[in-house]
Amino acid sequence: MPDLAVEMQETLQEEERVPVLKAVNLHTWFEIRKFGFFKAGDVRALDGVDFELYQGETVSIVGESGCGKSTLARTILGLHRPTKGKLFFNGKDMAEFKKEDMKAYRASVGYIQQDPYGALPPFMTVKRILEEPLIINGVKDKFERQKRIRNVMEEVKLAPIEDFLPKFPHMLSGGQQQRLVIARAMILQPKMLVADEPVSMLDASVRVEILQLLRSLQEKHNLVIIYITHDLSTVRYFSERIFTMYGARIVEKATTKALLSDPLHPYTQALFKATSDPDAANLKAYKEVPAGEPPSLLNPPKGCRFYPRCAKIIKGKCDHFEPPEFHIGDDQSVFCWLYEDQGKQ
């Protein structure tokens, strides 16, 4: 009986879990105008995305350039307004947020950019860069600001602190600049971090340090981290779940273990084959990568977005009908007609 009671309590807690962030049929389109007056169409940069993110987990979003990863990040940050669909933060519809609510939301979400040097104002010192968000968000006490700045610099290992405070961004190395970007993202004590290719412009040795730093911050503060990348060699060490994006849509969702052991969607399989590998014995895999280009988001193909490049196409189905989400077990789901008989919707 005690074991049954524990199981019932755990089930109840699971049912009561509210996702930190939830997207429902999320679309972000950009209007194209001819001669500045006549509408020529819409670029469907994000075209129907659903997901839930829970406190304390890291989710990697992977896919090639132009698949919609960065548009998704900017929509989550509130920099783009959704054309259709809903975003919920802690169970509240963000479409109903007033100006004060949106300001509080943005303070709860830290952003780590791809290019650390381009993300930092060159005319500000380290102290001023970290102090600016605190001033904007109403931290008036000078000593409180200094305390927070010192605490966050210790966390990101920018030490000795007194040496770094008066420096300008150009006086820092690439790794130190990215640590400063992370410190700025953490200065308001956020609940969620959006990291858009945070290590792609860093040396290989520094990448490991930055990812280890992000992991330690995530564990210490119980953060949600959305890690956007095209580098599959790093996600296996960093995330609990992986979402694969193609043609402005998510085509596969899975735990990291499930995806690495058995990727289901033909595009996810192609991504793994295209991952760099120093072993010459794997050269054959590169020849199996599907030919062709990603679809036009101004005029996407009917049906599955990947079918023009897919070797496993089911004629009359993949090229005519958009696949729903098929759940394969508890750890994986895929948007692909190949799994219609194996999964459940």
C-alpha atoms as a PDB file:
ATOM      1  CA  MET A   1       0.000   0.000   0.000  1.00  0.00           C
ATOM      2  CA  PRO A   2       2.749   2.565   0.799  1.00  0.00           C
ATOM      3  CA  ASP A   3       4.229   2.001  -2.668  1.00  0.00           C
ATOM      4  CA  LEU A   4       0.808   2.558  -4.256  1.00  0.00           C
ATOM      5  CA  ALA A   5       0.355   5.772  -2.257  1.00  0.00           C
ATOM      6  CA  VAL A   6       3.730   7.049  -3.436  1.00  0.00           C
ATOM      7  CA  GLU A   7       2.855   6.226  -7.052  1.00  0.00           C
ATOM      8  CA  MET A   8      -0.487   8.018  -6.745  1.00  0.00           C
ATOM      9  CA  GLN A   9       1.222  11.086  -5.268  1.00  0.00           C
ATOM     10  CA  GLU A  10       3.809  11.150  -8.062  1.00  0.00           C
ATOM     11  CA  THR A  11       1.046  10.824 -10.672  1.00  0.00           C
ATOM     12  CA  LEU A  12      -0.866  13.699  -9.079  1.00  0.00           C
ATOM     13  CA  GLN A  13       2.244  15.883  -9.044  1.00  0.00           C
ATOM     14  CA  GLU A  14       2.879  15.069 -12.708  1.00  0.00           C
ATOM     15  CA  GLU A  15      -0.678  16.039 -13.638  1.00  0.00           C
ATOM     16  CA  GLU A  16      -0.337  19.327 -11.764  1.00  0.00           C
ATOM     17  CA  ARG A  17       2.903  20.271 -13.493  1.00  0.00           C
ATOM     18  CA  VAL A  18       2.464  23.452 -15.454  1.00  0.00           C
ATOM     19  CA  PRO A  19       4.938  23.978 -18.301  1.00  0.00           C
ATOM     20  CA  VAL A  20       7.098  27.078 -18.004  1.00  0.00           C
ATOM     21  CA  LEU A  21       6.577  27.675 -21.722  1.00  0.00           C
ATOM     22  CA  LYS A  22       3.958  26.154 -24.013  1.00  0.00           C
ATOM     23  CA  ALA A  23       3.439  26.766 -27.740  1.00  0.00           C
ATOM     24  CA  VAL A  24       0.180  25.835 -29.470  1.00  0.00           C
ATOM     25  CA  ASN A  25       0.062  25.903 -33.293  1.00  0.00           C
ATOM     26  CA  LEU A  26       2.576  28.772 -33.319  1.00  0.00           C
ATOM     27  CA  HIS A  27       3.049  30.655 -36.613  1.00  0.00           C
ATOM     28  CA  THR A  28       5.329  33.604 -37.366  1.00  0.00           C
ATOM     29  CA  TRP A  29       4.996  34.913 -40.930  1.00  0.00           C
ATOM     30  CA  PHE A  30       6.626  37.947 -42.538  1.00  0.00           C
ATOM     31  CA  GLU A  31       4.780  39.858 -45.230  1.00  0.00           C
ATOM     32  CA  ILE A  32       6.550  40.527 -48.544  1.00  0.00           C
ATOM     33  CA  ARG A  33       5.463  43.634 -50.501  1.00  0.00           C
ATOM     34  CA  LYS A  34       6.124  44.466 -54.134  1.00  0.00           C
ATOM     35  CA  PHE A  35       7.207  48.048 -54.798  1.00  0.00           C
ATOM     36  CA  GLY A  36       6.426  48.727 -51.141  1.00  0.00           C
ATOM     37  CA  PHE A  37       2.650  48.713 -51.697  1.00  0.00           C
ATOM     38  CA  PHE A  38       1.359  45.409 -53.099  1.00  0.00           C
ATOM     39  CA  LYS A  39       1.422  42.236 -51.044  1.00  0.00           C
ATOM     40  CA  ALA A  40       3.463  39.540 -52.804  1.00  0.00           C
ATOM     41  CA  GLY A  41       3.076  36.804 -50.206  1.00  0.00           C
ATOM     42  CA  ASP A  42       4.253  35.702 -46.771  1.00  0.00           C
ATOM     43  CA  VAL A  43       7.522  34.129 -45.697  1.00  0.00           C
ATOM     44  CA  ARG A  44       6.380  31.347 -43.370  1.00  0.00           C
ATOM     45  CA  ALA A  45       9.407  31.454 -41.074  1.00  0.00           C
ATOM     46  CA  LEU A  46       7.554  29.505 -38.379  1.00  0.00           C
ATOM     47  CA  ASP A  47       4.609  27.461 -39.564  1.00  0.00           C
ATOM     48  CA  GLY A  48       2.728  25.510 -36.910  1.00  0.00           C
ATOM     49  CA  VAL A  49       4.871  24.555 -33.906  1.00  0.00           C
ATOM     50  CA  ASP A  50       3.723  22.838 -30.690  1.00  0.00           C
ATOM     51  CA  PHE A  51       5.836  22.060 -27.620  1.00  0.00           C
ATOM     52  CA  GLU A  52       5.991  22.215 -23.820  1.00  0.00           C
ATOM     53  CA  LEU A  53       9.049  23.084 -21.724  1.00  0.00           C
ATOM     54  CA  TYR A  54       9.306  22.311 -18.017  1.00  0.00           C
ATOM     55  CA  GLN A  55      11.372  23.832 -15.222  1.00  0.00           C
ATOM     56  CA  GLY A  56      14.930  22.567 -14.953  1.00  0.00           C
ATOM     57  CA  GLU A  57      15.259  20.968 -18.393  1.00  0.00           C
ATOM     58  CA  THR A  58      17.468  21.753 -21.348  1.00  0.00           C
ATOM     59  CA  VAL A  59      15.983  21.314 -24.821  1.00  0.00           C
ATOM     60  CA  SER A  60      18.106  21.440 -27.958  1.00  0.00           C
ATOM     61  CA  ILE A  61      16.558  22.667 -31.210  1.00  0.00           C
ATOM     62  CA  VAL A  62      18.549  21.396 -34.180  1.00  0.00           C
ATOM     63  CA  GLY A  63      18.334  21.851 -37.931  1.00  0.00           C
ATOM     64  CA  GLU A  64      20.137  23.419 -40.866  1.00  0.00           C
ATOM     65  CA  SER A  65      20.266  27.146 -41.572  1.00  0.00           C
ATOM     66  CA  GLY A  66      16.920  28.650 -42.549  1.00  0.00           C
ATOM     67  CA  CYS A  67      14.772  25.998 -40.850  1.00  0.00           C
ATOM     68  CA  GLY A  68      13.212  28.483 -38.401  1.00  0.00           C
ATOM     69  CA  LYS A  69      15.319  27.976 -35.258  1.00  0.00           C
ATOM     70  CA  SER A  70      16.243  31.637 -34.757  1.00  0.00           C
ATOM     71  CA  THR A  71      12.738  32.840 -35.644  1.00  0.00           C
ATOM     72  CA  LEU A  72      11.400  30.524 -32.949  1.00  0.00           C
ATOM     73  CA  ALA A  73      13.914  31.999 -30.480  1.00  0.00           C
ATOM     74  CA  ARG A  74      12.936  35.583 -31.317  1.00  0.00           C
ATOM     75  CA  THR A  75       9.241  34.735 -31.076  1.00  0.00           C
ATOM     76  CA  ILE A  76       9.811  33.235 -27.629  1.00  0.00           C
ATOM     77  CA  LEU A  77      11.728  36.367 -26.607  1.00  0.00           C
ATOM     78  CA  GLY A  78       8.842  38.561 -27.726  1.00  0.00           C
ATOM     79  CA  LEU A  79      10.850  40.230 -30.490  1.00  0.00           C
ATOM     80  CA  HIS A  80       8.395  38.865 -33.087  1.00  0.00           C
ATOM     81  CA  ARG A  81       4.657  38.677 -32.496  1.00  0.00           C
ATOM     82  CA  PRO A  82       3.053  35.372 -33.518  1.00  0.00           C
ATOM     83  CA  THR A  83       0.903  35.606 -36.642  1.00  0.00           C
ATOM     84  CA  LYS A  84      -1.257  32.743 -35.394  1.00  0.00           C
ATOM     85  CA  GLY A  85      -1.272  30.382 -32.449  1.00  0.00           C
ATOM     86  CA  LYS A  86      -0.582  30.837 -28.748  1.00  0.00           C
ATOM     87  CA  LEU A  87       2.370  31.101 -26.365  1.00  0.00           C
ATOM     88  CA  PHE A  88       1.787  30.431 -22.672  1.00  0.00           C
ATOM     89  CA  PHE A  89       4.245  31.396 -19.920  1.00  0.00           C
ATOM     90  CA  ASN A  90       3.558  29.717 -16.570  1.00  0.00           C
ATOM     91  CA  GLY A  91       0.062  28.929 -17.822  1.00  0.00           C
ATOM     92  CA  LYS A  92      -0.751  32.526 -18.842  1.00  0.00           C
ATOM     93  CA  ASP A  93      -1.546  33.483 -22.431  1.00  0.00           C
ATOM     94  CA  MET A  94       1.130  35.942 -23.570  1.00  0.00           C
ATOM     95  CA  ALA A  95      -1.293  37.517 -26.053  1.00  0.00           C
ATOM     96  CA  GLU A  96      -3.087  38.984 -23.040  1.00  0.00           C
ATOM     97  CA  PHE A  97       0.066  40.459 -21.501  1.00  0.00           C
ATOM     98  CA  LYS A  98      -0.010  44.199 -20.900  1.00  0.00           C
ATOM     99  CA  LYS A  99       3.104  46.366 -21.206  1.00  0.00           C
ATOM    100  CA  GLU A 100       4.124  45.741 -17.587  1.00  0.00           C
ATOM    101  CA  ASP A 101       3.563  41.984 -17.964  1.00  0.00           C
ATOM    102  CA  MET A 102       5.748  41.843 -21.074  1.00  0.00           C
ATOM    103  CA  LYS A 103       8.515  43.781 -19.322  1.00  0.00           C
ATOM    104  CA  ALA A 104       8.410  41.317 -16.423  1.00  0.00           C
ATOM    105  CA  TYR A 105       8.433  38.401 -18.878  1.00  0.00           C
ATOM    106  CA  ARG A 106      11.489  39.711 -20.711  1.00  0.00           C
ATOM    107  CA  ALA A 107      13.254  40.091 -17.373  1.00  0.00           C
ATOM    108  CA  SER A 108      12.508  36.390 -16.753  1.00  0.00           C
ATOM    109  CA  VAL A 109      14.109  35.294 -20.032  1.00  0.00           C
ATOM    110  CA  GLY A 110      17.843  35.686 -20.679  1.00  0.00           C
ATOM    111  CA  TYR A 111      19.215  35.771 -24.212  1.00  0.00           C
ATOM    112  CA  ILE A 112      22.676  34.519 -25.231  1.00  0.00           C
ATOM    113  CA  GLN A 113      23.597  35.582 -28.757  1.00  0.00           C
ATOM    114  CA  GLN A 114      25.743  33.787 -31.296  1.00  0.00           C
ATOM    115  CA  ASP A 115      28.311  36.555 -31.810  1.00  0.00           C
ATOM    116  CA  PRO A 116      29.521  37.799 -28.410  1.00  0.00           C
ATOM    117  CA  TYR A 117      31.441  40.776 -29.789  1.00  0.00           C
ATOM    118  CA  GLY A 118      28.501  41.977 -31.881  1.00  0.00           C
ATOM    119  CA  ALA A 119      26.171  41.528 -28.880  1.00  0.00           C
ATOM    120  CA  LEU A 120      28.163  43.840 -26.591  1.00  0.00           C
ATOM    121  CA  PRO A 121      28.137  47.680 -26.829  1.00  0.00           C
ATOM    122  CA  PRO A 122      31.770  48.623 -27.568  1.00  0.00           C
ATOM    123  CA  PHE A 123      31.572  51.965 -25.739  1.00  0.00           C
ATOM    124  CA  MET A 124      30.498  50.473 -22.379  1.00  0.00           C
ATOM    125  CA  THR A 125      32.697  48.941 -19.708  1.00  0.00           C
ATOM    126  CA  VAL A 126      31.970  45.517 -18.222  1.00  0.00           C
ATOM    127  CA  LYS A 127      30.536  47.220 -15.123  1.00  0.00           C
ATOM    128  CA  ARG A 128      28.206  49.401 -17.168  1.00  0.00           C
ATOM    129  CA  ILE A 129      27.074  46.504 -19.393  1.00  0.00           C
ATOM    130  CA  LEU A 130      25.998  44.497 -16.339  1.00  0.00           C
ATOM    131  CA  GLU A 131      24.541  47.473 -14.499  1.00  0.00           C
ATOM    132  CA  GLU A 132      22.336  48.669 -17.368  1.00  0.00           C
ATOM    133  CA  PRO A 133      19.664  45.899 -17.128  1.00  0.00           C
ATOM    134  CA  LEU A 134      19.421  46.418 -13.360  1.00  0.00           C
ATOM    135  CA  ILE A 135      18.846  50.165 -13.758  1.00  0.00           C
ATOM    136  CA  ILE A 136      16.238  49.639 -16.504  1.00  0.00           C
ATOM    137  CA  ASN A 137      14.364  47.131 -14.328  1.00  0.00           C
ATOM    138  CA  GLY A 138      14.211  49.367 -11.284  1.00  0.00           C
ATOM    139  CA  VAL A 139      17.044  48.191  -9.032  1.00  0.00           C
ATOM    140  CA  LYS A 140      17.775  51.617  -7.554  1.00  0.00           C
ATOM    141  CA  ASP A 141      20.029  50.628  -4.663  1.00  0.00           C
ATOM    142  CA  LYS A 142      23.627  51.138  -5.788  1.00  0.00           C
ATOM    143  CA  PHE A 143      25.020  48.595  -3.313  1.00  0.00           C
ATOM    144  CA  GLU A 144      22.459  45.984  -4.398  1.00  0.00           C
ATOM    145  CA  ARG A 145      23.526  46.489  -8.024  1.00  0.00           C
ATOM    146  CA  GLN A 146      27.206  46.101  -7.100  1.00  0.00           C
ATOM    147  CA  LYS A 147      26.423  42.950  -5.113  1.00  0.00           C
ATOM    148  CA  ARG A 148      24.540  41.362  -8.020  1.00  0.00           C
ATOM    149  CA  ILE A 149      27.268  42.277 -10.495  1.00  0.00           C
ATOM    150  CA  ARG A 150      29.948  40.687  -8.332  1.00  0.00           C
ATOM    151  CA  ASN A 151      27.867  37.565  -7.713  1.00  0.00           C
ATOM    152  CA  VAL A 152      27.164  36.984 -11.399  1.00  0.00           C
ATOM    153  CA  MET A 153      30.792  37.621 -12.379  1.00  0.00           C
ATOM    154  CA  GLU A 154      31.889  35.007  -9.866  1.00  0.00           C
ATOM    155  CA  GLU A 155      29.354  32.551 -11.300  1.00  0.00           C
ATOM    156  CA  VAL A 156      30.624  32.966 -14.876  1.00  0.00           C
ATOM    157  CA  LYS A 157      34.261  32.992 -13.691  1.00  0.00           C
ATOM    158  CA  LEU A 158      35.236  36.498 -14.803  1.00  0.00           C
ATOM    159  CA  ALA A 159      37.921  36.963 -12.174  1.00  0.00           C
ATOM    160  CA  PRO A 160      39.687  38.818 -10.677  1.00  0.00           C
ATOM    161  CA  ILE A 161      36.581  40.999 -10.660  1.00  0.00           C
ATOM    162  CA  GLU A 162      38.352  44.316 -10.073  1.00  0.00           C
ATOM    163  CA  ASP A 163      40.481  43.760 -13.176  1.00  0.00           C
ATOM    164  CA  PHE A 164      37.495  43.074 -15.440  1.00  0.00           C
ATOM    165  CA  LEU A 165      35.057  45.775 -14.287  1.00  0.00           C
ATOM    166  CA  PRO A 166      36.768  48.738 -16.069  1.00  0.00           C
ATOM    167  CA  LYS A 167      37.523  46.822 -19.293  1.00  0.00           C
ATOM    168  CA  PHE A 168      35.791  47.339 -22.645  1.00  0.00           C
ATOM    169  CA  PRO A 169      34.626  44.367 -24.782  1.00  0.00           C
ATOM    170  CA  HIS A 170      37.519  44.679 -27.271  1.00  0.00           C
ATOM    171  CA  MET A 171      39.938  44.088 -24.392  1.00  0.00           C
ATOM    172  CA  LEU A 172      38.471  40.614 -23.736  1.00  0.00           C
ATOM    173  CA  SER A 173      39.087  37.318 -25.504  1.00  0.00           C
ATOM    174  CA  GLY A 174      36.237  35.575 -27.366  1.00  0.00           C
ATOM    175  CA  GLY A 175      35.583  33.236 -24.446  1.00  0.00           C
ATOM    176  CA  GLN A 176      35.603  36.104 -21.940  1.00  0.00           C
ATOM    177  CA  GLN A 177      33.191  38.069 -24.125  1.00  0.00           C
ATOM    178  CA  GLN A 178      30.774  35.146 -24.191  1.00  0.00           C
ATOM    179  CA  ARG A 179      31.058  34.786 -20.411  1.00  0.00           C
ATOM    180  CA  LEU A 180      30.110  38.461 -20.176  1.00  0.00           C
ATOM    181  CA  VAL A 181      27.096  37.871 -22.470  1.00  0.00           C
ATOM    182  CA  ILE A 182      26.036  34.994 -20.191  1.00  0.00           C
ATOM    183  CA  ALA A 183      26.536  37.189 -17.114  1.00  0.00           C
ATOM    184  CA  ARG A 184      24.291  39.861 -18.644  1.00  0.00           C
ATOM    185  CA  ALA A 185      21.658  37.211 -19.413  1.00  0.00           C
ATOM    186  CA  MET A 186      21.797  36.011 -15.776  1.00  0.00           C
ATOM    187  CA  ILE A 187      21.943  39.393 -14.035  1.00  0.00           C
ATOM    188  CA  LEU A 188      18.130  39.647 -13.631  1.00  0.00           C
ATOM    189  CA  GLN A 189      17.901  36.105 -12.220  1.00  0.00           C
ATOM    190  CA  PRO A 190      15.830  34.657 -15.095  1.00  0.00           C
ATOM    191  CA  LYS A 191      13.781  31.462 -15.135  1.00  0.00           C
ATOM    192  CA  MET A 192      14.704  30.638 -18.732  1.00  0.00           C
ATOM    193  CA  LEU A 193      17.686  31.105 -21.072  1.00  0.00           C
ATOM    194  CA  VAL A 194      17.508  31.170 -24.856  1.00  0.00           C
ATOM    195  CA  ALA A 195      20.962  30.329 -26.214  1.00  0.00           C
ATOM    196  CA  ASP A 196      21.135  30.876 -29.991  1.00  0.00           C
ATOM    197  CA  GLU A 197      24.246  29.051 -31.280  1.00  0.00           C
ATOM    198  CA  PRO A 198      26.220  30.244 -28.189  1.00  0.00           C
ATOM    199  CA  VAL A 199      29.465  28.419 -29.028  1.00  0.00           C
ATOM    200  CA  SER A 200      29.564  28.395 -32.847  1.00  0.00           C
ATOM    201  CA  MET A 201      31.997  31.351 -33.044  1.00  0.00           C
ATOM    202  CA  LEU A 202      34.355  30.105 -30.327  1.00  0.00           C
ATOM    203  CA  ASP A 203      37.444  27.899 -30.456  1.00  0.00           C
ATOM    204  CA  ALA A 204      36.850  24.205 -29.860  1.00  0.00           C
ATOM    205  CA  SER A 205      38.589  24.230 -26.467  1.00  0.00           C
ATOM    206  CA  VAL A 206      36.505  27.191 -25.278  1.00  0.00           C
ATOM    207  CA  ARG A 207      33.231  25.620 -26.446  1.00  0.00           C
ATOM    208  CA  VAL A 208      33.475  22.870 -23.854  1.00  0.00           C
ATOM    209  CA  GLU A 209      34.071  25.401 -21.068  1.00  0.00           C
ATOM    210  CA  ILE A 210      31.073  27.526 -22.079  1.00  0.00           C
ATOM    211  CA  LEU A 211      28.747  24.512 -22.316  1.00  0.00           C
ATOM    212  CA  GLN A 212      29.949  23.290 -18.914  1.00  0.00           C
ATOM    213  CA  LEU A 213      29.298  26.771 -17.520  1.00  0.00           C
ATOM    214  CA  LEU A 214      25.744  26.815 -18.930  1.00  0.00           C
ATOM    215  CA  ARG A 215      25.085  23.352 -17.514  1.00  0.00           C
ATOM    216  CA  SER A 216      26.316  24.396 -14.045  1.00  0.00           C
ATOM    217  CA  LEU A 217      24.099  27.512 -14.115  1.00  0.00           C
ATOM    218  CA  GLN A 218      21.120  25.425 -15.226  1.00  0.00           C
ATOM    219  CA  GLU A 219      21.582  22.982 -12.343  1.00  0.00           C
ATOM    220  CA  LYS A 220      22.243  25.680  -9.744  1.00  0.00           C
ATOM    221  CA  HIS A 221      19.264  27.885 -10.638  1.00  0.00           C
ATOM    222  CA  ASN A 222      16.894  25.187 -12.002  1.00  0.00           C
ATOM    223  CA  LEU A 223      16.681  27.006 -15.344  1.00  0.00           C
ATOM    224  CA  VAL A 224      14.947  26.092 -18.559  1.00  0.00           C
ATOM    225  CA  ILE A 225      17.534  26.354 -21.348  1.00  0.00           C
ATOM    226  CA  ILE A 226      16.586  26.421 -25.021  1.00  0.00           C
ATOM    227  CA  TYR A 227      19.794  25.534 -26.848  1.00  0.00           C
ATOM    228  CA  ILE A 228      19.615  26.317 -30.570  1.00  0.00           C
ATOM    229  CA  THR A 229      22.290  24.752 -32.740  1.00  0.00           C
ATOM    230  CA  HIS A 230      23.090  22.936 -35.971  1.00  0.00           C
ATOM    231  CA  ASP A 231      25.963  21.070 -34.293  1.00  0.00           C
ATOM    232  CA  LEU A 232      24.741  17.620 -33.229  1.00  0.00           C
ATOM    233  CA  SER A 233      28.125  16.793 -31.709  1.00  0.00           C
ATOM    234  CA  THR A 234      27.354  19.000 -28.676  1.00  0.00           C
ATOM    235  CA  VAL A 235      23.687  18.243 -27.952  1.00  0.00           C
ATOM    236  CA  ARG A 236      24.327  14.747 -26.628  1.00  0.00           C
ATOM    237  CA  TYR A 237      26.293  16.167 -23.698  1.00  0.00           C
ATOM    238  CA  PHE A 238      24.005  19.076 -22.941  1.00  0.00           C
ATOM    239  CA  SER A 239      20.275  18.408 -23.316  1.00  0.00           C
ATOM    240  CA  GLU A 240      17.507  16.190 -21.955  1.00  0.00           C
ATOM    241  CA  ARG A 241      15.352  16.497 -25.082  1.00  0.00           C
ATOM    242  CA  ILE A 242      15.933  17.343 -28.746  1.00  0.00           C
ATOM    243  CA  PHE A 243      13.555  18.912 -31.263  1.00  0.00           C
ATOM    244  CA  THR A 244      14.453  18.594 -34.958  1.00  0.00           C
ATOM    245  CA  MET A 245      13.248  21.430 -37.210  1.00  0.00           C
ATOM    246  CA  TYR A 246      12.888  21.441 -40.984  1.00  0.00           C
ATOM    247  CA  GLY A 247      11.072  23.884 -43.243  1.00  0.00           C
ATOM    248  CA  ALA A 248       9.777  26.029 -40.335  1.00  0.00           C
ATOM    249  CA  ARG A 249       8.266  23.025 -38.538  1.00  0.00           C
ATOM    250  CA  ILE A 250       9.278  20.589 -35.833  1.00  0.00           C
ATOM    251  CA  VAL A 251       9.519  17.141 -37.458  1.00  0.00           C
ATOM    252  CA  GLU A 252      10.696  15.062 -34.500  1.00  0.00           C
ATOM    253  CA  LYS A 253      10.728  15.333 -30.692  1.00  0.00           C
ATOM    254  CA  ALA A 254      12.542  12.895 -28.452  1.00  0.00           C
ATOM    255  CA  THR A 255      14.626  12.446 -25.360  1.00  0.00           C
ATOM    256  CA  THR A 256      18.314  12.768 -26.166  1.00  0.00           C
ATOM    257  CA  LYS A 257      18.911   9.084 -25.449  1.00  0.00           C
ATOM    258  CA  ALA A 258      16.095   7.953 -27.742  1.00  0.00           C
ATOM    259  CA  LEU A 259      17.064  10.254 -30.597  1.00  0.00           C
ATOM    260  CA  LEU A 260      20.746   9.343 -30.500  1.00  0.00           C
ATOM    261  CA  SER A 261      20.038   5.609 -30.405  1.00  0.00           C
ATOM    262  CA  ASP A 262      17.264   5.569 -33.032  1.00  0.00           C
ATOM    263  CA  PRO A 263      16.459   8.754 -35.008  1.00  0.00           C
ATOM    264  CA  LEU A 264      13.150   8.183 -36.816  1.00  0.00           C
ATOM    265  CA  HIS A 265      12.512  10.999 -39.279  1.00  0.00           C
ATOM    266  CA  PRO A 266      14.493  10.698 -42.548  1.00  0.00           C
ATOM    267  CA  TYR A 267      15.688  14.295 -42.080  1.00  0.00           C
ATOM    268  CA  THR A 268      16.973  13.611 -38.550  1.00  0.00           C
ATOM    269  CA  GLN A 269      18.789  10.567 -39.900  1.00  0.00           C
ATOM    270  CA  ALA A 270      20.325  12.753 -42.618  1.00  0.00           C
ATOM    271  CA  LEU A 271      21.479  15.288 -40.012  1.00  0.00           C
ATOM    272  CA  PHE A 272      23.334  12.587 -38.104  1.00  0.00           C
ATOM    273  CA  LYS A 273      24.989  11.348 -41.275  1.00  0.00           C
ATOM    274  CA  ALA A 274      26.166  14.885 -42.033  1.00  0.00           C
ATOM    275  CA  THR A 275      27.742  15.348 -38.583  1.00  0.00           C
ATOM    276  CA  SER A 276      31.514  15.704 -38.855  1.00  0.00           C
ATOM    277  CA  ASP A 277      33.419  12.574 -37.862  1.00  0.00           C
ATOM    278  CA  PRO A 278      37.222  12.208 -37.944  1.00  0.00           C
ATOM    279  CA  ASP A 279      36.969   8.476 -38.698  1.00  0.00           C
ATOM    280  CA  ALA A 280      37.722   7.906 -42.412  1.00  0.00           C
ATOM    281  CA  ALA A 281      35.643   4.717 -42.269  1.00  0.00           C
ATOM    282  CA  ASN A 282      32.532   6.891 -42.044  1.00  0.00           C
ATOM    283  CA  LEU A 283      33.200   8.685 -45.324  1.00  0.00           C
ATOM    284  CA  LYS A 284      30.458   6.637 -47.000  1.00  0.00           C
ATOM    285  CA  ALA A 285      27.838   8.211 -44.740  1.00  0.00           C
ATOM    286  CA  TYR A 286      28.457  11.650 -46.240  1.00  0.00           C
ATOM    287  CA  LYS A 287      27.523  10.326 -49.686  1.00  0.00           C
ATOM    288  CA  GLU A 288      24.119   9.263 -48.340  1.00  0.00           C
ATOM    289  CA  VAL A 289      23.110  12.779 -47.334  1.00  0.00           C
ATOM    290  CA  PRO A 290      20.021  13.721 -49.434  1.00  0.00           C
ATOM    291  CA  ALA A 291      20.620  16.076 -52.338  1.00  0.00           C
ATOM    292  CA  GLY A 292      18.709  19.283 -52.873  1.00  0.00           C
ATOM    293  CA  GLU A 293      17.942  22.430 -50.933  1.00  0.00           C
ATOM    294  CA  PRO A 294      15.535  23.261 -48.087  1.00  0.00           C
ATOM    295  CA  PRO A 295      12.061  24.317 -49.253  1.00  0.00           C
ATOM    296  CA  SER A 296      11.115  27.887 -50.050  1.00  0.00           C
ATOM    297  CA  LEU A 297       9.270  29.340 -47.069  1.00  0.00           C
ATOM    298  CA  LEU A 298       7.540  31.795 -49.404  1.00  0.00           C
ATOM    299  CA  ASN A 299       5.962  28.926 -51.353  1.00  0.00           C
ATOM    300  CA  PRO A 300       6.439  25.695 -49.358  1.00  0.00           C
ATOM    301  CA  PRO A 301       5.552  22.342 -50.924  1.00  0.00           C
ATOM    302  CA  LYS A 302       2.202  20.712 -50.258  1.00  0.00           C
ATOM    303  CA  GLY A 303       2.254  17.829 -47.804  1.00  0.00           C
ATOM    304  CA  CYS A 304       5.464  16.928 -45.984  1.00  0.00           C
ATOM    305  CA  ARG A 305       8.089  19.672 -46.289  1.00  0.00           C
ATOM    306  CA  PHE A 306      10.876  17.092 -46.689  1.00  0.00           C
ATOM    307  CA  TYR A 307       9.336  14.929 -49.420  1.00  0.00           C
ATOM    308  CA  PRO A 308      11.205  16.553 -52.397  1.00  0.00           C
ATOM    309  CA  ARG A 309      14.499  15.352 -50.843  1.00  0.00           C
ATOM    310  CA  CYS A 310      13.303  12.130 -49.220  1.00  0.00           C
ATOM    311  CA  ALA A 311      14.321   8.727 -50.580  1.00  0.00           C
ATOM    312  CA  LYS A 312      11.538   6.989 -48.603  1.00  0.00           C
ATOM    313  CA  ILE A 313       8.632   8.990 -50.023  1.00  0.00           C
ATOM    314  CA  ILE A 314       5.187   7.356 -50.146  1.00  0.00           C
ATOM    315  CA  LYS A 315       3.771   8.604 -53.440  1.00  0.00           C
ATOM    316  CA  GLY A 316       0.296  10.079 -53.237  1.00  0.00           C
ATOM    317  CA  LYS A 317       0.550  10.607 -49.478  1.00  0.00           C
ATOM    318  CA  CYS A 318       3.778  12.413 -48.507  1.00  0.00           C
ATOM    319  CA  ASP A 319       3.439  14.787 -51.468  1.00  0.00           C
ATOM    320  CA  HIS A 320      -0.233  15.615 -50.809  1.00  0.00           C
ATOM    321  CA  PHE A 321      -0.988  15.417 -47.091  1.00  0.00           C
ATOM    322  CA  GLU A 322       0.738  17.025 -44.124  1.00  0.00           C
ATOM    323  CA  PRO A 323       1.722  14.292 -41.629  1.00  0.00           C
ATOM    324  CA  PRO A 324       0.324  14.527 -38.074  1.00  0.00           C
ATOM    325  CA  GLU A 325       2.348  13.801 -34.952  1.00  0.00           C
ATOM    326  CA  PHE A 326       2.773  10.070 -34.331  1.00  0.00           C
ATOM    327  CA  HIS A 327       3.869   9.067 -30.802  1.00  0.00           C
ATOM    328  CA  ILE A 328       6.333   6.179 -30.749  1.00  0.00           C
ATOM    329  CA  GLY A 329       6.489   5.017 -27.132  1.00  0.00           C
ATOM    330  CA  ASP A 330       6.766   7.518 -24.284  1.00  0.00           C
ATOM    331  CA  ASP A 331      10.042   9.143 -25.326  1.00  0.00           C
ATOM    332  CA  GLN A 332       9.646   9.989 -29.008  1.00  0.00           C
ATOM    333  CA  SER A 333       7.240  11.450 -31.545  1.00  0.00           C
ATOM    334  CA  VAL A 334       7.640  12.058 -35.263  1.00  0.00           C
ATOM    335  CA  PHE A 335       5.787  13.861 -38.052  1.00  0.00           C
ATOM    336  CA  CYS A 336       6.201  11.268 -40.802  1.00  0.00           C
ATOM    337  CA  TRP A 337       3.778   8.997 -42.693  1.00  0.00           C
ATOM    338  CA  LEU A 338       6.278   6.116 -42.474  1.00  0.00           C
ATOM    339  CA  TYR A 339       5.204   5.587 -38.846  1.00  0.00           C
ATOM    340  CA  GLU A 340       1.430   5.698 -39.355  1.00  0.00           C
ATOM    341  CA  ASP A 341       1.041   2.017 -38.449  1.00  0.00           C
ATOM    342  CA  GLN A 342       3.543   2.044 -35.545  1.00  0.00           C
ATOM    343  CA  GLY A 343       2.513   5.132 -33.613  1.00  0.00           C
ATOM    344  CA  LYS A 344      -0.565   6.749 -32.163  1.00  0.00           C
ATOM    345  CA  GLN A 345      -1.735  10.297 -32.758  1.00  0.00           C
END
